[in-house]
Protein backbone atom coordinates (compact mmCIF):
# COMPACT_ATOMS: atom_id res chain seq x y z
CA UNK A 1 -29.77 1.52 -31.66
CA UNK A 2 -30.73 -1.43 -33.85
CA UNK A 3 -28.88 -2.10 -37.11
CA UNK A 4 -30.40 -2.79 -40.50
CA UNK A 5 -28.71 -3.90 -43.73
CA UNK A 6 -30.33 -2.32 -46.79
CA UNK A 7 -30.02 -3.72 -50.32
CA UNK A 8 -28.93 -0.47 -51.96
CA UNK A 9 -28.81 0.64 -55.60
CA UNK A 10 -28.48 4.36 -54.97
CA UNK A 11 -31.69 5.01 -56.90
CA UNK A 12 -34.76 6.87 -55.73
CA UNK A 13 -36.41 4.05 -53.76
CA UNK A 14 -33.40 2.89 -51.78
CA UNK A 15 -31.98 6.38 -51.22
CA UNK A 16 -35.27 7.49 -49.68
CA UNK A 17 -35.28 4.24 -47.67
CA UNK A 18 -32.06 5.24 -45.91
CA UNK A 19 -33.64 8.40 -44.50
CA UNK A 20 -36.90 6.62 -43.66
CA UNK A 21 -35.06 3.86 -41.78
CA UNK A 22 -33.07 6.45 -39.83
CA UNK A 23 -35.95 8.77 -38.99
CA UNK A 24 -39.10 6.65 -38.83
CA UNK A 25 -37.57 3.36 -37.67
CA UNK A 26 -34.69 4.83 -35.62
CA UNK A 27 -32.12 2.41 -37.02
CA UNK A 28 -28.45 2.52 -37.98
CA UNK A 29 -28.32 1.80 -41.72
CA UNK A 30 -25.65 -0.28 -43.45
CA UNK A 31 -25.95 -0.29 -47.24
CA UNK A 32 -24.81 -2.95 -49.69
CA UNK A 33 -24.71 -3.10 -53.48
CA UNK A 34 -24.40 -6.57 -55.01
CA UNK A 35 -22.67 -6.55 -58.39
CA UNK A 36 -24.45 -8.96 -60.75
CA UNK A 37 -23.19 -7.31 -63.91
CA UNK A 38 -24.68 -3.83 -63.80
CA UNK A 39 -22.89 -1.09 -65.76
CA UNK A 40 -19.95 0.27 -63.75
CA UNK A 41 -21.79 3.57 -63.28
CA UNK A 42 -24.43 1.59 -61.35
CA UNK A 43 -21.70 0.21 -59.07
CA UNK A 44 -20.02 3.56 -58.45
CA UNK A 45 -23.27 5.42 -57.86
CA UNK A 46 -24.26 3.63 -54.62
CA UNK A 47 -20.81 4.37 -53.18
CA UNK A 48 -21.10 8.06 -54.03
CA UNK A 49 -24.70 8.37 -52.82
CA UNK A 50 -23.94 6.52 -49.58
CA UNK A 51 -21.12 8.97 -48.89
CA UNK A 52 -23.32 11.97 -49.68
CA UNK A 53 -26.07 10.90 -47.28
CA UNK A 54 -23.59 9.99 -44.52
CA UNK A 55 -24.10 6.24 -44.40
CA UNK A 56 -21.51 4.95 -41.93
CA UNK A 57 -20.86 1.64 -43.73
CA UNK A 58 -21.32 0.71 -47.37
CA UNK A 59 -20.30 -2.56 -49.00
CA UNK A 60 -19.93 -3.61 -52.63
CA UNK A 61 -20.06 -7.38 -53.18
CA UNK A 62 -18.88 -8.87 -56.48
CA UNK A 63 -21.21 -11.75 -57.35
CA UNK A 64 -20.86 -11.72 -61.15
CA UNK A 65 -19.13 -15.09 -61.47
CA UNK A 66 -21.57 -16.77 -59.10
CA UNK A 67 -24.52 -15.24 -60.93
CA UNK A 68 -23.22 -16.47 -64.29
CA UNK A 69 -22.21 -19.97 -63.21
CA UNK A 70 -24.93 -20.85 -60.69
CA UNK A 71 -27.90 -18.94 -62.07
CA UNK A 72 -27.56 -17.88 -65.73
CA UNK A 73 -25.99 -21.13 -66.95
CA UNK A 74 -28.66 -23.16 -65.16
CA UNK A 75 -31.34 -20.83 -66.51
CA UNK A 76 -30.10 -21.43 -70.06
CA UNK A 77 -30.16 -25.20 -69.52
CA UNK A 78 -33.70 -25.00 -68.12
CA UNK A 79 -34.88 -22.65 -70.89
CA UNK A 80 -35.94 -20.24 -68.12
CA UNK A 81 -38.13 -17.63 -69.74
CA UNK A 82 -41.44 -15.84 -69.25
CA UNK A 83 -43.66 -15.12 -72.25
CA UNK A 84 -40.65 -15.37 -74.54
CA UNK A 85 -38.34 -13.20 -72.45
CA UNK A 86 -35.33 -14.71 -70.62
CA UNK A 87 -35.49 -14.32 -66.85
CA UNK A 88 -32.96 -11.72 -65.70
CA UNK A 89 -34.10 -9.47 -62.85
CA UNK A 90 -36.07 -12.29 -61.21
CA UNK A 91 -33.07 -14.62 -61.58
CA UNK A 92 -30.74 -12.22 -59.77
CA UNK A 93 -32.96 -11.30 -56.81
CA UNK A 94 -32.48 -14.50 -54.75
CA UNK A 95 -28.70 -14.22 -55.11
CA UNK A 96 -28.73 -10.57 -54.05
CA UNK A 97 -30.92 -11.48 -51.09
CA UNK A 98 -28.51 -14.23 -49.99
CA UNK A 99 -25.54 -11.86 -50.12
CA UNK A 100 -27.47 -9.34 -48.03
CA UNK A 101 -28.29 -12.09 -45.51
CA UNK A 102 -24.62 -13.06 -45.26
CA UNK A 103 -23.65 -9.44 -44.62
CA UNK A 104 -26.39 -9.06 -42.02
CA UNK A 105 -24.95 -12.06 -40.18
CA UNK A 106 -21.45 -10.59 -40.36
CA UNK A 107 -22.67 -7.24 -39.01
CA UNK A 108 -24.96 -8.80 -36.37
CA UNK A 109 -27.82 -6.78 -37.83
CA UNK A 110 -31.29 -6.90 -36.36
CA UNK A 111 -33.11 -6.39 -39.65
CA UNK A 112 -32.81 -6.52 -43.43
CA UNK A 113 -34.46 -3.90 -45.64
CA UNK A 114 -35.24 -3.51 -49.33
CA UNK A 115 -36.79 -0.80 -51.50
CA UNK A 116 -39.51 -2.85 -53.20
CA UNK A 117 -43.05 -1.56 -53.52
CA UNK A 118 -46.18 -3.56 -52.83
CA UNK A 119 -47.06 -3.86 -56.53
CA UNK A 120 -44.51 -6.14 -58.15
CA UNK A 121 -43.00 -9.56 -57.55
CA UNK A 122 -39.58 -8.34 -56.35
CA UNK A 123 -40.83 -8.14 -52.78
CA UNK A 124 -41.58 -11.88 -52.84
CA UNK A 125 -38.31 -12.78 -54.57
CA UNK A 126 -36.31 -10.98 -51.90
CA UNK A 127 -38.35 -12.00 -48.90
CA UNK A 128 -38.71 -15.70 -49.75
CA UNK A 129 -34.92 -16.03 -49.91
CA UNK A 130 -34.41 -13.95 -46.76
CA UNK A 131 -37.02 -15.77 -44.67
CA UNK A 132 -35.62 -19.15 -45.71
CA UNK A 133 -32.17 -18.33 -44.37
CA UNK A 134 -32.34 -15.58 -41.76
CA UNK A 135 -34.25 -14.81 -38.54
CA UNK A 136 -33.85 -11.07 -39.17
CA UNK A 137 -36.88 -8.82 -39.33
CA UNK A 138 -37.68 -7.64 -42.86
CA UNK A 139 -38.49 -3.98 -43.42
CA UNK A 140 -39.82 -2.53 -46.67
CA UNK A 141 -40.36 1.22 -46.05
CA UNK A 142 -41.70 2.13 -49.51
CA UNK A 143 -44.23 -0.70 -49.40
CA UNK A 144 -45.13 -0.29 -45.73
CA UNK A 145 -45.83 3.42 -46.18
CA UNK A 146 -47.52 2.90 -49.59
CA UNK A 147 -45.32 5.54 -51.24
CA UNK A 148 -45.50 6.29 -54.96
CA UNK A 149 -42.40 7.50 -56.78
CA UNK A 150 -44.00 10.95 -56.98
CA UNK A 151 -44.39 10.96 -53.18
CA UNK A 152 -40.83 9.71 -52.78
CA UNK A 153 -39.56 12.59 -54.89
CA UNK A 154 -41.47 15.06 -52.75
CA UNK A 155 -40.11 13.45 -49.56
CA UNK A 156 -36.55 13.61 -50.92
CA UNK A 157 -36.88 17.30 -51.74
CA UNK A 158 -38.33 18.26 -48.36
CA UNK A 159 -35.55 16.32 -46.59
CA UNK A 160 -32.73 17.58 -48.84
CA UNK A 161 -31.88 14.09 -50.03
CA UNK A 162 -29.57 14.17 -53.07
CA UNK A 163 -30.95 12.14 -55.98
CA UNK A 164 -29.18 10.66 -58.97
CA UNK A 165 -32.37 10.87 -61.04
CA UNK A 166 -35.87 12.31 -60.70
CA UNK A 167 -37.44 10.11 -63.38
CA UNK A 168 -40.68 8.30 -62.56
CA UNK A 169 -39.33 4.98 -63.78
CA UNK A 170 -36.40 2.80 -62.79
CA UNK A 171 -34.06 0.54 -64.77
CA UNK A 172 -32.66 -2.76 -63.57
CA UNK A 173 -29.80 -4.30 -65.52
CA UNK A 174 -27.52 -7.28 -64.98
CA UNK A 175 -25.37 -9.71 -66.99
CA UNK A 176 -28.41 -11.41 -68.48
CA UNK A 177 -30.97 -8.69 -69.16
CA UNK A 178 -32.52 -5.30 -68.61
CA UNK A 179 -35.95 -4.25 -67.32
CA UNK A 180 -37.71 -0.91 -66.96
CA UNK A 181 -40.63 -0.16 -64.65
CA UNK A 182 -42.36 2.78 -63.04
CA UNK A 183 -45.51 4.82 -62.62
CA UNK A 184 -45.65 6.37 -66.07
CA UNK A 185 -45.06 3.00 -67.75
CA UNK A 186 -48.05 1.37 -66.07
CA UNK A 187 -50.35 3.21 -68.48
CA UNK A 188 -50.36 1.16 -71.69
CA UNK A 189 -51.20 4.30 -73.65
CA UNK A 190 -47.92 5.96 -72.60
CA UNK A 191 -44.94 5.38 -74.89
CA UNK A 192 -41.71 4.35 -73.18
CA UNK A 193 -39.40 7.40 -73.00
CA UNK A 194 -36.40 7.13 -75.33
CA UNK A 195 -33.94 7.86 -72.52
CA UNK A 196 -35.18 4.72 -70.73
CA UNK A 197 -33.96 2.55 -73.59
CA UNK A 198 -30.45 1.30 -74.10
CA UNK A 199 -28.85 3.72 -76.57
CA UNK A 200 -26.10 1.30 -77.63
CA UNK A 201 -28.64 -1.45 -78.29
CA UNK A 202 -30.76 0.88 -80.44
CA UNK A 203 -27.68 1.99 -82.37
CA UNK A 204 -26.74 -1.63 -83.11
CA UNK A 205 -30.29 -2.41 -84.27
CA UNK A 206 -30.20 0.64 -86.54
CA UNK A 207 -26.89 -0.46 -88.03
CA UNK A 208 -28.28 -3.95 -88.68
CA UNK A 209 -31.22 -2.67 -90.74
CA UNK A 210 -30.90 -3.59 -94.42
CA UNK A 211 -30.15 -0.63 -96.65
């Protein structure tokens, strides 16, 4: 059986990817979470989910210092921003990809997988870095099967896959920033749900308001 290393957050996309890779691609799945400064709950969750869905090997790689020194500091010097927002998610993706490549080499894996869809730029950020440094096949189950988050939820329920959240949006956070994306947020007429926002940040902003 071929082996695949999956960049794994323990969220909806990557959790569903584990089952898809096992069943539809007939592969042994090794999961890895790269720590670039997510909240500790986001580091513990992949470990717990991997255990629940019987992943044989799961790795957690601490890349916080490297992310800060080699990416964030250089981003600050270069004034790296997009439409006024500092690059954060896009800055971390190449580093995560490189750590996944290194693990794939260590495990003699045949392929590398990610949970990106076919809509955003993450697929290119991951795959450019992977293709530049690894001969491994790249598999993107969610994109290849054109799955929406609604369809992923349905797949998870019919296959008894335990989920951390059933929200139709996802949150990506690291040392340098925080981004939110998902189906319901693609409609500009839909207000961002309050539980998608950072509660501590909102509290600080409220406290800073002049009285």
